[in-house]
Amino acid sequence: MAFGDVKTPKGLQELDAFLAEHSYIEGYTPSKADLSVFEALGKAPAGSAAHVQRWYKHIASFSAQERSSWGGQALPQVAGAKPTTAAADDDDDVDLFGSEDEEESAEAERIKAERVAAYTAKKSKKPALIAKSSVLLDVKPWDDETDMGAMEKNVRSIEMDGLLWGASKLVPVGYGIKKLQIMCVIEDDKVSIDLLSEQIEAFEDVVQSVDVAAFNKI
């Protein structure tokens, strides 16, 4: 998807119009395309580009390690080969047991123990990746007289730790009735889809039912 130079008013306007109806640059999950536009922007835009600001805030919520994984997987290593670039994992540089020819002495055992302790401490400091999912919900009204604006406002009023609302749109279902399709990103350990659906259906004056239209791990 080409938007031109997103740092220009025209390019930013085109990007904002696109994100008004999409949660991501491509598909229902963040990808290399999102990373490319995110890096091109450099920072959240000021002004009236509300959809770009919402998208930028969402992409920025991922860690640098998570965002780097969207750009593709690393090339496989040849068995027994040593890393030759700065991008190689630091763990591969740790020699836990030294050379096989190293003399087994008290000094060698002390050095080995220090290396093991340093390696263990280094591994324990690595942040755990947060499991997230992208969810597309279908929220259905009672009839064609339902105030869909009020319905969306009620849905977005639901706040949970680990829940981030995304783009939405109205989709015709027949007989003049439209359903609300709305995206959200959840942290799997914090947000239950069943509980979220129950909270949406609690707005029983405007909501008839809630269905999960798409669910993708991020």
N, C-alpha and C. Protein backbone atom coordinates (compact mmCIF):
# COMPACT_ATOMS: atom_id res chain seq x y z
N MET A 1 0.87 -1.19 0.00
CA MET A 1 0.00 0.00 0.00
C MET A 1 0.90 1.23 0.00
N ALA A 2 0.81 2.09 -1.04
CA ALA A 2 1.66 3.27 -1.18
C ALA A 2 0.91 4.51 -0.75
N PHE A 3 1.57 5.31 0.09
CA PHE A 3 0.95 6.55 0.55
C PHE A 3 1.80 7.76 0.16
N GLY A 4 2.88 7.55 -0.58
CA GLY A 4 3.77 8.66 -0.85
C GLY A 4 4.59 8.97 0.40
N ASP A 5 5.08 10.19 0.48
CA ASP A 5 5.87 10.61 1.63
C ASP A 5 4.93 10.94 2.79
N VAL A 6 4.89 10.06 3.82
CA VAL A 6 3.94 10.24 4.92
C VAL A 6 4.31 11.42 5.82
N LYS A 7 5.45 12.04 5.58
CA LYS A 7 5.81 13.22 6.36
C LYS A 7 5.27 14.50 5.72
N THR A 8 4.71 14.37 4.51
CA THR A 8 4.07 15.52 3.87
C THR A 8 2.60 15.54 4.25
N PRO A 9 1.95 16.71 4.23
CA PRO A 9 0.52 16.78 4.56
C PRO A 9 -0.33 15.87 3.69
N LYS A 10 -0.03 15.80 2.37
CA LYS A 10 -0.82 14.96 1.47
C LYS A 10 -0.66 13.48 1.82
N GLY A 11 0.60 13.04 2.01
CA GLY A 11 0.84 11.63 2.34
C GLY A 11 0.22 11.26 3.68
N LEU A 12 0.32 12.16 4.65
CA LEU A 12 -0.26 11.89 5.96
C LEU A 12 -1.78 11.82 5.89
N GLN A 13 -2.38 12.68 5.06
CA GLN A 13 -3.85 12.66 4.89
C GLN A 13 -4.30 11.35 4.26
N GLU A 14 -3.56 10.86 3.25
CA GLU A 14 -3.91 9.59 2.60
C GLU A 14 -3.79 8.44 3.60
N LEU A 15 -2.74 8.45 4.41
CA LEU A 15 -2.55 7.40 5.41
C LEU A 15 -3.66 7.43 6.45
N ASP A 16 -4.05 8.63 6.89
CA ASP A 16 -5.11 8.75 7.89
C ASP A 16 -6.44 8.23 7.34
N ALA A 17 -6.73 8.53 6.07
CA ALA A 17 -7.97 8.05 5.45
C ALA A 17 -7.98 6.52 5.37
N PHE A 18 -6.83 5.94 5.06
CA PHE A 18 -6.74 4.47 4.97
C PHE A 18 -6.94 3.84 6.35
N LEU A 19 -6.32 4.39 7.38
CA LEU A 19 -6.41 3.82 8.73
C LEU A 19 -7.77 4.07 9.38
N ALA A 20 -8.59 4.90 8.78
CA ALA A 20 -9.95 5.10 9.30
C ALA A 20 -10.76 3.81 9.18
N GLU A 21 -10.41 2.97 8.23
CA GLU A 21 -11.15 1.72 8.01
C GLU A 21 -10.28 0.48 8.17
N HIS A 22 -9.04 0.63 8.57
CA HIS A 22 -8.14 -0.51 8.73
C HIS A 22 -7.35 -0.36 10.04
N SER A 23 -7.10 -1.48 10.69
CA SER A 23 -6.29 -1.45 11.91
C SER A 23 -4.80 -1.52 11.61
N TYR A 24 -4.46 -2.15 10.49
CA TYR A 24 -3.05 -2.31 10.12
C TYR A 24 -2.86 -2.00 8.63
N ILE A 25 -1.62 -1.81 8.23
CA ILE A 25 -1.32 -1.48 6.84
C ILE A 25 -1.67 -2.65 5.93
N GLU A 26 -1.46 -3.88 6.41
CA GLU A 26 -1.81 -5.08 5.65
C GLU A 26 -2.45 -6.10 6.58
N GLY A 27 -3.64 -6.59 6.26
CA GLY A 27 -4.27 -7.68 7.00
C GLY A 27 -4.76 -7.28 8.37
N TYR A 28 -4.91 -8.29 9.24
CA TYR A 28 -5.46 -8.10 10.58
C TYR A 28 -4.39 -8.16 11.67
N THR A 29 -3.13 -8.29 11.31
CA THR A 29 -2.05 -8.35 12.29
C THR A 29 -0.91 -7.44 11.85
N PRO A 30 -0.11 -6.94 12.81
CA PRO A 30 1.02 -6.08 12.44
C PRO A 30 2.03 -6.85 11.59
N SER A 31 2.65 -6.15 10.64
CA SER A 31 3.56 -6.80 9.71
C SER A 31 4.72 -5.86 9.37
N LYS A 32 5.54 -6.34 8.44
CA LYS A 32 6.68 -5.54 7.99
C LYS A 32 6.22 -4.22 7.40
N ALA A 33 5.02 -4.22 6.78
CA ALA A 33 4.49 -2.99 6.20
C ALA A 33 4.24 -1.93 7.28
N ASP A 34 3.69 -2.37 8.44
CA ASP A 34 3.47 -1.44 9.55
C ASP A 34 4.81 -0.89 10.05
N LEU A 35 5.81 -1.77 10.16
CA LEU A 35 7.12 -1.35 10.64
C LEU A 35 7.73 -0.33 9.71
N SER A 36 7.56 -0.52 8.38
CA SER A 36 8.12 0.41 7.41
C SER A 36 7.51 1.79 7.54
N VAL A 37 6.16 1.86 7.65
CA VAL A 37 5.49 3.16 7.78
C VAL A 37 5.80 3.79 9.14
N PHE A 38 5.86 2.95 10.19
CA PHE A 38 6.17 3.44 11.54
C PHE A 38 7.54 4.12 11.56
N GLU A 39 8.53 3.49 10.92
CA GLU A 39 9.88 4.06 10.88
C GLU A 39 9.93 5.29 9.99
N ALA A 40 9.12 5.30 8.92
CA ALA A 40 9.10 6.46 8.03
C ALA A 40 8.54 7.69 8.75
N LEU A 41 7.53 7.49 9.61
CA LEU A 41 6.96 8.61 10.37
C LEU A 41 7.95 9.14 11.40
N GLY A 42 8.61 8.23 12.10
CA GLY A 42 9.59 8.65 13.09
C GLY A 42 9.00 9.02 14.43
N LYS A 43 7.84 9.66 14.44
CA LYS A 43 7.16 10.05 15.67
C LYS A 43 5.68 10.23 15.38
N ALA A 44 4.88 10.24 16.45
CA ALA A 44 3.43 10.41 16.29
C ALA A 44 3.15 11.79 15.69
N PRO A 45 2.33 11.86 14.64
CA PRO A 45 2.06 13.16 14.01
C PRO A 45 1.17 14.04 14.87
N ALA A 46 1.39 15.33 14.76
CA ALA A 46 0.53 16.28 15.47
C ALA A 46 -0.63 16.66 14.56
N GLY A 47 -1.59 17.39 15.10
CA GLY A 47 -2.69 17.85 14.28
C GLY A 47 -3.90 16.94 14.33
N SER A 48 -4.62 16.88 13.21
CA SER A 48 -5.93 16.21 13.20
C SER A 48 -5.89 14.78 12.67
N ALA A 49 -4.70 14.21 12.45
CA ALA A 49 -4.61 12.84 11.92
C ALA A 49 -4.87 11.84 13.05
N ALA A 50 -6.13 11.78 13.50
CA ALA A 50 -6.47 10.98 14.69
C ALA A 50 -6.25 9.50 14.46
N HIS A 51 -6.56 9.00 13.25
CA HIS A 51 -6.41 7.57 12.99
C HIS A 51 -4.94 7.17 12.94
N VAL A 52 -4.10 8.03 12.38
CA VAL A 52 -2.66 7.75 12.36
C VAL A 52 -2.10 7.78 13.78
N GLN A 53 -2.56 8.75 14.57
CA GLN A 53 -2.10 8.83 15.97
C GLN A 53 -2.47 7.58 16.75
N ARG A 54 -3.73 7.09 16.54
CA ARG A 54 -4.16 5.86 17.22
C ARG A 54 -3.30 4.68 16.80
N TRP A 55 -3.07 4.56 15.47
CA TRP A 55 -2.26 3.44 14.95
C TRP A 55 -0.82 3.54 15.45
N TYR A 56 -0.23 4.74 15.43
CA TYR A 56 1.15 4.91 15.85
C TYR A 56 1.32 4.53 17.33
N LYS A 57 0.36 4.96 18.16
CA LYS A 57 0.40 4.62 19.58
C LYS A 57 0.34 3.11 19.79
N HIS A 58 -0.49 2.44 18.98
CA HIS A 58 -0.61 0.98 19.09
C HIS A 58 0.69 0.28 18.70
N ILE A 59 1.28 0.66 17.56
CA ILE A 59 2.52 0.04 17.11
C ILE A 59 3.65 0.31 18.10
N ALA A 60 3.66 1.52 18.67
CA ALA A 60 4.70 1.87 19.65
C ALA A 60 4.55 1.08 20.94
N SER A 61 3.35 0.50 21.21
CA SER A 61 3.15 -0.28 22.43
C SER A 61 3.90 -1.60 22.40
N PHE A 62 4.31 -2.05 21.20
CA PHE A 62 5.10 -3.27 21.09
C PHE A 62 6.57 -2.95 21.38
N SER A 63 7.27 -3.90 21.94
CA SER A 63 8.69 -3.70 22.21
C SER A 63 9.47 -3.72 20.91
N ALA A 64 10.70 -3.16 20.97
CA ALA A 64 11.55 -3.16 19.78
C ALA A 64 11.82 -4.58 19.31
N GLN A 65 11.94 -5.51 20.26
CA GLN A 65 12.18 -6.91 19.90
C GLN A 65 11.00 -7.50 19.16
N GLU A 66 9.76 -7.17 19.61
CA GLU A 66 8.57 -7.66 18.93
C GLU A 66 8.46 -7.06 17.53
N ARG A 67 8.72 -5.75 17.41
CA ARG A 67 8.62 -5.11 16.10
C ARG A 67 9.65 -5.66 15.12
N SER A 68 10.85 -5.97 15.62
CA SER A 68 11.89 -6.49 14.72
C SER A 68 11.51 -7.85 14.17
N SER A 69 10.68 -8.61 14.89
CA SER A 69 10.28 -9.94 14.42
C SER A 69 9.34 -9.85 13.23
N TRP A 70 8.68 -8.69 13.01
CA TRP A 70 7.77 -8.54 11.88
C TRP A 70 8.52 -8.47 10.55
N GLY A 71 9.83 -8.17 10.61
CA GLY A 71 10.58 -7.97 9.37
C GLY A 71 11.07 -9.25 8.74
N GLY A 72 10.74 -10.42 9.32
CA GLY A 72 11.20 -11.69 8.76
C GLY A 72 12.10 -12.41 9.72
N GLN A 73 12.30 -13.68 9.51
CA GLN A 73 13.12 -14.49 10.40
C GLN A 73 14.58 -14.42 9.99
N ALA A 74 15.46 -14.66 10.96
CA ALA A 74 16.88 -14.62 10.71
C ALA A 74 17.29 -15.81 9.85
N LEU A 75 18.41 -15.66 9.10
CA LEU A 75 18.91 -16.76 8.29
C LEU A 75 19.41 -17.87 9.20
N PRO A 76 19.23 -19.13 8.78
CA PRO A 76 19.66 -20.24 9.63
C PRO A 76 21.17 -20.26 9.77
N GLN A 77 21.68 -20.73 10.90
CA GLN A 77 23.10 -20.84 11.17
C GLN A 77 23.59 -22.23 10.78
N VAL A 78 24.77 -22.31 10.21
CA VAL A 78 25.36 -23.60 9.89
C VAL A 78 25.81 -24.25 11.17
N ALA A 79 25.51 -25.53 11.34
CA ALA A 79 25.86 -26.22 12.58
C ALA A 79 27.34 -26.11 12.85
N GLY A 80 27.70 -25.66 14.05
CA GLY A 80 29.10 -25.57 14.45
C GLY A 80 29.76 -24.27 14.06
N ALA A 81 29.10 -23.45 13.22
CA ALA A 81 29.70 -22.20 12.78
C ALA A 81 29.54 -21.15 13.86
N LYS A 82 30.51 -20.20 13.95
CA LYS A 82 30.46 -19.11 14.93
C LYS A 82 29.90 -17.87 14.26
N PRO A 83 29.12 -17.04 14.98
CA PRO A 83 28.57 -15.80 14.41
C PRO A 83 29.69 -14.89 13.93
N THR A 84 29.42 -14.18 12.81
CA THR A 84 30.45 -13.31 12.24
C THR A 84 30.02 -11.86 12.22
N THR A 85 28.76 -11.54 12.67
CA THR A 85 28.28 -10.17 12.64
C THR A 85 27.83 -9.76 14.02
N ALA A 86 27.64 -8.40 14.18
CA ALA A 86 27.19 -7.87 15.47
C ALA A 86 25.79 -8.30 15.79
N ALA A 87 25.02 -8.74 14.78
CA ALA A 87 23.64 -9.14 15.00
C ALA A 87 23.52 -10.52 15.61
N ALA A 88 24.63 -11.29 15.69
CA ALA A 88 24.57 -12.63 16.27
C ALA A 88 24.20 -12.53 17.73
N ASP A 89 23.47 -13.50 18.24
CA ASP A 89 23.02 -13.51 19.63
C ASP A 89 24.22 -13.54 20.56
N ASP A 90 24.20 -12.67 21.57
CA ASP A 90 25.30 -12.61 22.53
C ASP A 90 25.51 -13.92 23.23
N ASP A 91 24.44 -14.73 23.35
CA ASP A 91 24.56 -16.00 24.06
C ASP A 91 25.58 -16.92 23.40
N ASP A 92 25.72 -16.81 22.05
CA ASP A 92 26.63 -17.69 21.34
C ASP A 92 28.08 -17.39 21.68
N ASP A 93 28.34 -16.19 22.25
CA ASP A 93 29.71 -15.83 22.60
C ASP A 93 30.13 -16.37 23.95
N VAL A 94 29.18 -16.96 24.69
CA VAL A 94 29.49 -17.44 26.03
C VAL A 94 30.06 -18.83 25.95
N ASP A 95 31.28 -18.99 26.37
CA ASP A 95 31.94 -20.30 26.40
C ASP A 95 31.83 -20.83 27.82
N LEU A 96 30.86 -21.73 28.05
CA LEU A 96 30.60 -22.18 29.41
C LEU A 96 31.70 -23.08 29.95
N PHE A 97 32.28 -23.87 29.09
CA PHE A 97 33.15 -24.92 29.60
C PHE A 97 34.60 -24.84 29.11
N GLY A 98 34.89 -23.82 28.31
CA GLY A 98 36.26 -23.62 27.89
C GLY A 98 36.74 -24.68 26.92
N SER A 99 37.99 -24.65 26.57
CA SER A 99 38.59 -25.60 25.65
C SER A 99 38.70 -26.98 26.28
N GLU A 100 38.51 -28.00 25.42
CA GLU A 100 38.62 -29.37 25.92
C GLU A 100 40.02 -29.68 26.41
N ASP A 101 40.98 -28.89 25.91
CA ASP A 101 42.37 -29.13 26.30
C ASP A 101 42.76 -28.36 27.56
N GLU A 102 41.82 -27.59 28.11
CA GLU A 102 42.14 -26.79 29.31
C GLU A 102 42.43 -27.70 30.49
N GLU A 103 43.45 -27.38 31.19
CA GLU A 103 43.85 -28.21 32.33
C GLU A 103 42.80 -28.14 33.42
N GLU A 104 42.38 -29.35 33.90
CA GLU A 104 41.40 -29.42 34.97
C GLU A 104 42.10 -29.15 36.29
N SER A 105 41.96 -27.94 36.73
CA SER A 105 42.60 -27.52 37.97
C SER A 105 41.61 -26.69 38.77
N ALA A 106 41.96 -26.35 39.95
CA ALA A 106 41.08 -25.56 40.81
C ALA A 106 40.79 -24.20 40.18
N GLU A 107 41.80 -23.62 39.52
CA GLU A 107 41.62 -22.31 38.89
C GLU A 107 40.66 -22.41 37.70
N ALA A 108 40.79 -23.51 36.92
CA ALA A 108 39.91 -23.70 35.77
C ALA A 108 38.47 -23.90 36.22
N GLU A 109 38.26 -24.62 37.31
CA GLU A 109 36.90 -24.84 37.83
C GLU A 109 36.30 -23.52 38.32
N ARG A 110 37.12 -22.65 38.92
CA ARG A 110 36.63 -21.36 39.40
C ARG A 110 36.18 -20.49 38.23
N ILE A 111 36.99 -20.47 37.16
CA ILE A 111 36.65 -19.68 35.98
C ILE A 111 35.37 -20.20 35.34
N LYS A 112 35.23 -21.54 35.27
CA LYS A 112 34.04 -22.14 34.70
C LYS A 112 32.80 -21.74 35.50
N ALA A 113 32.90 -21.77 36.82
CA ALA A 113 31.77 -21.43 37.68
C ALA A 113 31.37 -19.97 37.49
N GLU A 114 32.36 -19.09 37.34
CA GLU A 114 32.07 -17.67 37.14
C GLU A 114 31.34 -17.45 35.81
N ARG A 115 31.75 -18.19 34.78
CA ARG A 115 31.10 -18.05 33.48
C ARG A 115 29.65 -18.53 33.53
N VAL A 116 29.42 -19.65 34.20
CA VAL A 116 28.07 -20.18 34.33
C VAL A 116 27.18 -19.18 35.08
N ALA A 117 27.71 -18.60 36.16
CA ALA A 117 26.94 -17.64 36.95
C ALA A 117 26.61 -16.39 36.13
N ALA A 118 27.58 -15.91 35.35
CA ALA A 118 27.36 -14.72 34.53
C ALA A 118 26.32 -15.01 33.43
N TYR A 119 26.40 -16.19 32.84
CA TYR A 119 25.45 -16.59 31.79
C TYR A 119 24.03 -16.68 32.36
N THR A 120 23.88 -17.31 33.53
CA THR A 120 22.57 -17.47 34.16
C THR A 120 21.97 -16.11 34.50
N ALA A 121 22.80 -15.20 35.05
CA ALA A 121 22.31 -13.87 35.41
C ALA A 121 21.86 -13.10 34.17
N LYS A 122 22.61 -13.25 33.08
CA LYS A 122 22.28 -12.55 31.84
C LYS A 122 20.95 -13.05 31.26
N LYS A 123 20.74 -14.37 31.28
CA LYS A 123 19.50 -14.94 30.76
C LYS A 123 18.29 -14.52 31.59
N SER A 124 18.48 -14.39 32.91
CA SER A 124 17.36 -14.05 33.78
C SER A 124 16.89 -12.62 33.59
N LYS A 125 17.75 -11.76 33.02
CA LYS A 125 17.38 -10.36 32.82
C LYS A 125 16.65 -10.12 31.51
N LYS A 126 16.60 -11.13 30.63
CA LYS A 126 15.92 -10.94 29.35
C LYS A 126 14.42 -10.83 29.58
N PRO A 127 13.77 -9.79 29.05
CA PRO A 127 12.32 -9.63 29.25
C PRO A 127 11.53 -10.71 28.53
N ALA A 128 10.48 -11.19 29.19
CA ALA A 128 9.61 -12.20 28.58
C ALA A 128 8.71 -11.53 27.54
N LEU A 129 8.51 -12.21 26.42
CA LEU A 129 7.62 -11.68 25.39
C LEU A 129 6.16 -11.75 25.85
N ILE A 130 5.40 -10.71 25.57
CA ILE A 130 3.99 -10.66 25.97
C ILE A 130 3.14 -11.21 24.82
N ALA A 131 2.38 -12.26 25.12
CA ALA A 131 1.52 -12.87 24.10
C ALA A 131 0.32 -11.96 23.84
N LYS A 132 0.10 -11.60 22.58
CA LYS A 132 -1.01 -10.72 22.20
C LYS A 132 -1.79 -11.33 21.05
N SER A 133 -3.04 -10.94 20.93
CA SER A 133 -3.91 -11.41 19.85
C SER A 133 -4.67 -10.24 19.26
N SER A 134 -4.93 -10.33 17.95
CA SER A 134 -5.76 -9.36 17.25
C SER A 134 -7.14 -9.98 17.04
N VAL A 135 -8.19 -9.29 17.49
CA VAL A 135 -9.54 -9.84 17.46
C VAL A 135 -10.48 -8.91 16.70
N LEU A 136 -11.27 -9.48 15.79
CA LEU A 136 -12.30 -8.72 15.06
C LEU A 136 -13.66 -9.18 15.56
N LEU A 137 -14.43 -8.23 16.13
CA LEU A 137 -15.73 -8.55 16.72
C LEU A 137 -16.87 -8.04 15.84
N ASP A 138 -17.92 -8.85 15.72
CA ASP A 138 -19.17 -8.44 15.10
C ASP A 138 -20.18 -8.15 16.20
N VAL A 139 -20.60 -6.90 16.32
CA VAL A 139 -21.59 -6.52 17.34
C VAL A 139 -22.90 -6.21 16.61
N LYS A 140 -23.94 -6.99 16.90
CA LYS A 140 -25.20 -6.90 16.16
C LYS A 140 -26.27 -6.17 16.97
N PRO A 141 -27.01 -5.24 16.32
CA PRO A 141 -28.08 -4.49 17.00
C PRO A 141 -29.39 -5.28 16.97
N TRP A 142 -30.40 -4.71 17.61
CA TRP A 142 -31.72 -5.35 17.61
C TRP A 142 -32.46 -5.13 16.29
N ASP A 143 -32.37 -3.91 15.75
CA ASP A 143 -33.11 -3.62 14.53
C ASP A 143 -32.48 -2.42 13.83
N ASP A 144 -33.14 -1.96 12.75
CA ASP A 144 -32.59 -0.86 11.96
C ASP A 144 -32.77 0.50 12.63
N GLU A 145 -33.45 0.54 13.77
CA GLU A 145 -33.65 1.81 14.48
C GLU A 145 -32.63 2.00 15.59
N THR A 146 -31.76 1.02 15.78
CA THR A 146 -30.74 1.12 16.82
C THR A 146 -29.75 2.24 16.49
N ASP A 147 -29.41 3.05 17.48
CA ASP A 147 -28.43 4.12 17.31
C ASP A 147 -27.03 3.49 17.30
N MET A 148 -26.45 3.31 16.10
CA MET A 148 -25.17 2.62 15.98
C MET A 148 -24.02 3.45 16.56
N GLY A 149 -24.18 4.78 16.52
CA GLY A 149 -23.15 5.63 17.13
C GLY A 149 -23.10 5.42 18.63
N ALA A 150 -24.30 5.32 19.26
CA ALA A 150 -24.35 5.07 20.69
C ALA A 150 -23.81 3.68 21.01
N MET A 151 -24.09 2.71 20.12
CA MET A 151 -23.57 1.36 20.35
C MET A 151 -22.05 1.36 20.38
N GLU A 152 -21.43 2.00 19.37
CA GLU A 152 -19.96 2.02 19.32
C GLU A 152 -19.38 2.76 20.53
N LYS A 153 -20.03 3.84 20.93
CA LYS A 153 -19.55 4.60 22.09
C LYS A 153 -19.59 3.73 23.34
N ASN A 154 -20.64 2.93 23.50
CA ASN A 154 -20.74 2.03 24.64
C ASN A 154 -19.65 0.97 24.61
N VAL A 155 -19.41 0.40 23.43
CA VAL A 155 -18.39 -0.65 23.30
C VAL A 155 -17.02 -0.09 23.67
N ARG A 156 -16.69 1.08 23.12
CA ARG A 156 -15.36 1.67 23.38
C ARG A 156 -15.21 2.16 24.82
N SER A 157 -16.32 2.29 25.53
CA SER A 157 -16.22 2.72 26.94
C SER A 157 -15.69 1.62 27.84
N ILE A 158 -15.67 0.39 27.34
CA ILE A 158 -15.15 -0.73 28.12
C ILE A 158 -13.63 -0.63 28.19
N GLU A 159 -13.10 -0.59 29.39
CA GLU A 159 -11.65 -0.49 29.59
C GLU A 159 -11.17 -1.69 30.41
N MET A 160 -10.10 -2.31 29.95
CA MET A 160 -9.46 -3.41 30.67
C MET A 160 -7.95 -3.26 30.53
N ASP A 161 -7.24 -3.71 31.53
CA ASP A 161 -5.78 -3.76 31.44
C ASP A 161 -5.41 -4.78 30.37
N GLY A 162 -4.68 -4.34 29.34
CA GLY A 162 -4.31 -5.25 28.26
C GLY A 162 -5.24 -5.21 27.07
N LEU A 163 -6.21 -4.26 27.05
CA LEU A 163 -7.16 -4.13 25.94
C LEU A 163 -6.94 -2.80 25.22
N LEU A 164 -6.83 -2.86 23.89
CA LEU A 164 -6.68 -1.64 23.08
C LEU A 164 -7.64 -1.72 21.90
N TRP A 165 -8.58 -0.76 21.82
CA TRP A 165 -9.55 -0.74 20.72
C TRP A 165 -8.89 -0.17 19.47
N GLY A 166 -9.32 -0.69 18.30
CA GLY A 166 -8.79 -0.24 17.02
C GLY A 166 -9.87 0.33 16.12
N ALA A 167 -9.71 0.14 14.82
CA ALA A 167 -10.63 0.70 13.83
C ALA A 167 -11.97 -0.04 13.84
N SER A 168 -12.99 0.63 13.31
CA SER A 168 -14.32 0.03 13.25
C SER A 168 -15.02 0.49 11.98
N LYS A 169 -16.07 -0.23 11.60
CA LYS A 169 -16.90 0.17 10.48
C LYS A 169 -18.26 -0.52 10.60
N LEU A 170 -19.27 0.04 9.88
CA LEU A 170 -20.61 -0.54 9.85
C LEU A 170 -20.76 -1.37 8.59
N VAL A 171 -21.27 -2.60 8.77
CA VAL A 171 -21.41 -3.53 7.65
C VAL A 171 -22.88 -3.92 7.49
N PRO A 172 -23.48 -3.71 6.29
CA PRO A 172 -24.88 -4.07 6.09
C PRO A 172 -25.09 -5.58 6.24
N VAL A 173 -26.20 -5.96 6.89
CA VAL A 173 -26.54 -7.38 7.04
C VAL A 173 -27.90 -7.70 6.41
N GLY A 174 -28.66 -6.68 5.96
CA GLY A 174 -29.94 -6.91 5.30
C GLY A 174 -31.08 -6.19 5.98
N TYR A 175 -32.12 -5.88 5.21
CA TYR A 175 -33.31 -5.22 5.72
C TYR A 175 -33.00 -3.89 6.41
N GLY A 176 -32.00 -3.21 5.91
CA GLY A 176 -31.63 -1.91 6.46
C GLY A 176 -30.84 -1.98 7.75
N ILE A 177 -30.55 -3.17 8.21
CA ILE A 177 -29.82 -3.35 9.47
C ILE A 177 -28.32 -3.43 9.19
N LYS A 178 -27.52 -2.79 10.02
CA LYS A 178 -26.07 -2.85 9.92
C LYS A 178 -25.49 -3.36 11.23
N LYS A 179 -24.37 -4.07 11.13
CA LYS A 179 -23.66 -4.51 12.33
C LYS A 179 -22.38 -3.70 12.48
N LEU A 180 -21.90 -3.62 13.70
CA LEU A 180 -20.65 -2.91 13.98
C LEU A 180 -19.51 -3.93 13.98
N GLN A 181 -18.52 -3.72 13.10
CA GLN A 181 -17.30 -4.52 13.13
C GLN A 181 -16.21 -3.66 13.76
N ILE A 182 -15.60 -4.18 14.81
CA ILE A 182 -14.60 -3.39 15.53
C ILE A 182 -13.41 -4.27 15.89
N MET A 183 -12.21 -3.72 15.68
CA MET A 183 -10.96 -4.43 15.98
C MET A 183 -10.50 -4.11 17.39
N CYS A 184 -9.83 -5.06 18.00
CA CYS A 184 -9.15 -4.78 19.27
C CYS A 184 -7.93 -5.69 19.37
N VAL A 185 -6.94 -5.24 20.13
CA VAL A 185 -5.76 -6.05 20.44
C VAL A 185 -5.76 -6.32 21.94
N ILE A 186 -5.58 -7.59 22.30
CA ILE A 186 -5.61 -7.97 23.71
C ILE A 186 -4.31 -8.65 24.11
N GLU A 187 -3.94 -8.52 25.39
CA GLU A 187 -2.88 -9.32 25.97
C GLU A 187 -3.54 -10.60 26.49
N ASP A 188 -3.12 -11.75 25.97
CA ASP A 188 -3.81 -13.01 26.22
C ASP A 188 -3.94 -13.34 27.70
N ASP A 189 -2.92 -13.01 28.49
CA ASP A 189 -2.93 -13.36 29.91
C ASP A 189 -3.83 -12.44 30.74
N LYS A 190 -4.26 -11.32 30.17
CA LYS A 190 -5.01 -10.34 30.95
C LYS A 190 -6.48 -10.22 30.54
N VAL A 191 -6.78 -10.50 29.27
CA VAL A 191 -8.14 -10.24 28.77
C VAL A 191 -8.78 -11.53 28.27
N SER A 192 -9.96 -11.83 28.78
CA SER A 192 -10.76 -12.96 28.33
C SER A 192 -11.79 -12.49 27.30
N ILE A 193 -11.79 -13.11 26.12
CA ILE A 193 -12.76 -12.74 25.09
C ILE A 193 -14.19 -13.01 25.57
N ASP A 194 -14.39 -14.10 26.31
CA ASP A 194 -15.73 -14.41 26.83
C ASP A 194 -16.22 -13.30 27.76
N LEU A 195 -15.33 -12.83 28.65
CA LEU A 195 -15.70 -11.76 29.58
C LEU A 195 -15.95 -10.46 28.82
N LEU A 196 -15.11 -10.17 27.82
CA LEU A 196 -15.29 -8.95 27.03
C LEU A 196 -16.63 -8.99 26.30
N SER A 197 -16.98 -10.14 25.73
CA SER A 197 -18.26 -10.28 25.02
C SER A 197 -19.43 -10.07 25.97
N GLU A 198 -19.32 -10.62 27.19
CA GLU A 198 -20.39 -10.44 28.18
C GLU A 198 -20.58 -8.96 28.53
N GLN A 199 -19.48 -8.23 28.66
CA GLN A 199 -19.58 -6.82 29.00
C GLN A 199 -20.24 -6.03 27.86
N ILE A 200 -19.93 -6.40 26.61
CA ILE A 200 -20.55 -5.71 25.47
C ILE A 200 -22.05 -6.02 25.43
N GLU A 201 -22.41 -7.29 25.64
CA GLU A 201 -23.82 -7.70 25.60
C GLU A 201 -24.62 -7.13 26.78
N ALA A 202 -23.90 -6.62 27.79
CA ALA A 202 -24.59 -6.01 28.92
C ALA A 202 -25.31 -4.72 28.51
N PHE A 203 -24.88 -4.14 27.37
CA PHE A 203 -25.58 -2.96 26.84
C PHE A 203 -26.80 -3.47 26.05
N GLU A 204 -27.71 -4.13 26.74
CA GLU A 204 -28.79 -4.87 26.10
C GLU A 204 -29.82 -3.98 25.40
N ASP A 205 -29.81 -2.69 25.67
CA ASP A 205 -30.76 -1.80 24.98
C ASP A 205 -30.40 -1.65 23.50
N VAL A 206 -29.11 -1.79 23.18
CA VAL A 206 -28.68 -1.60 21.79
C VAL A 206 -28.01 -2.83 21.20
N VAL A 207 -27.51 -3.73 22.04
CA VAL A 207 -26.75 -4.89 21.55
C VAL A 207 -27.59 -6.16 21.66
N GLN A 208 -27.72 -6.85 20.51
CA GLN A 208 -28.41 -8.14 20.50
C GLN A 208 -27.44 -9.28 20.79
N SER A 209 -26.25 -9.27 20.12
CA SER A 209 -25.28 -10.35 20.31
C SER A 209 -23.90 -9.89 19.85
N VAL A 210 -22.89 -10.69 20.24
CA VAL A 210 -21.51 -10.42 19.85
C VAL A 210 -20.90 -11.72 19.34
N ASP A 211 -20.22 -11.65 18.19
CA ASP A 211 -19.54 -12.82 17.63
C ASP A 211 -18.08 -12.46 17.33
N VAL A 212 -17.20 -13.45 17.44
CA VAL A 212 -15.80 -13.27 17.07
C VAL A 212 -15.67 -13.60 15.58
N ALA A 213 -15.39 -12.58 14.76
CA ALA A 213 -15.28 -12.78 13.31
C ALA A 213 -13.90 -13.25 12.90
N ALA A 214 -12.88 -12.84 13.65
CA ALA A 214 -11.49 -13.24 13.34
C ALA A 214 -10.66 -13.15 14.60
N PHE A 215 -9.73 -14.10 14.76
CA PHE A 215 -8.86 -14.14 15.95
C PHE A 215 -7.49 -14.59 15.49
N ASN A 216 -6.49 -13.73 15.66
CA ASN A 216 -5.14 -14.05 15.20
C ASN A 216 -4.11 -13.75 16.28
N LYS A 217 -3.21 -14.69 16.52
CA LYS A 217 -2.11 -14.47 17.45
C LYS A 217 -1.11 -13.51 16.81
N ILE A 218 -0.56 -12.62 17.61
CA ILE A 218 0.42 -11.65 17.11
C ILE A 218 1.82 -12.09 17.52
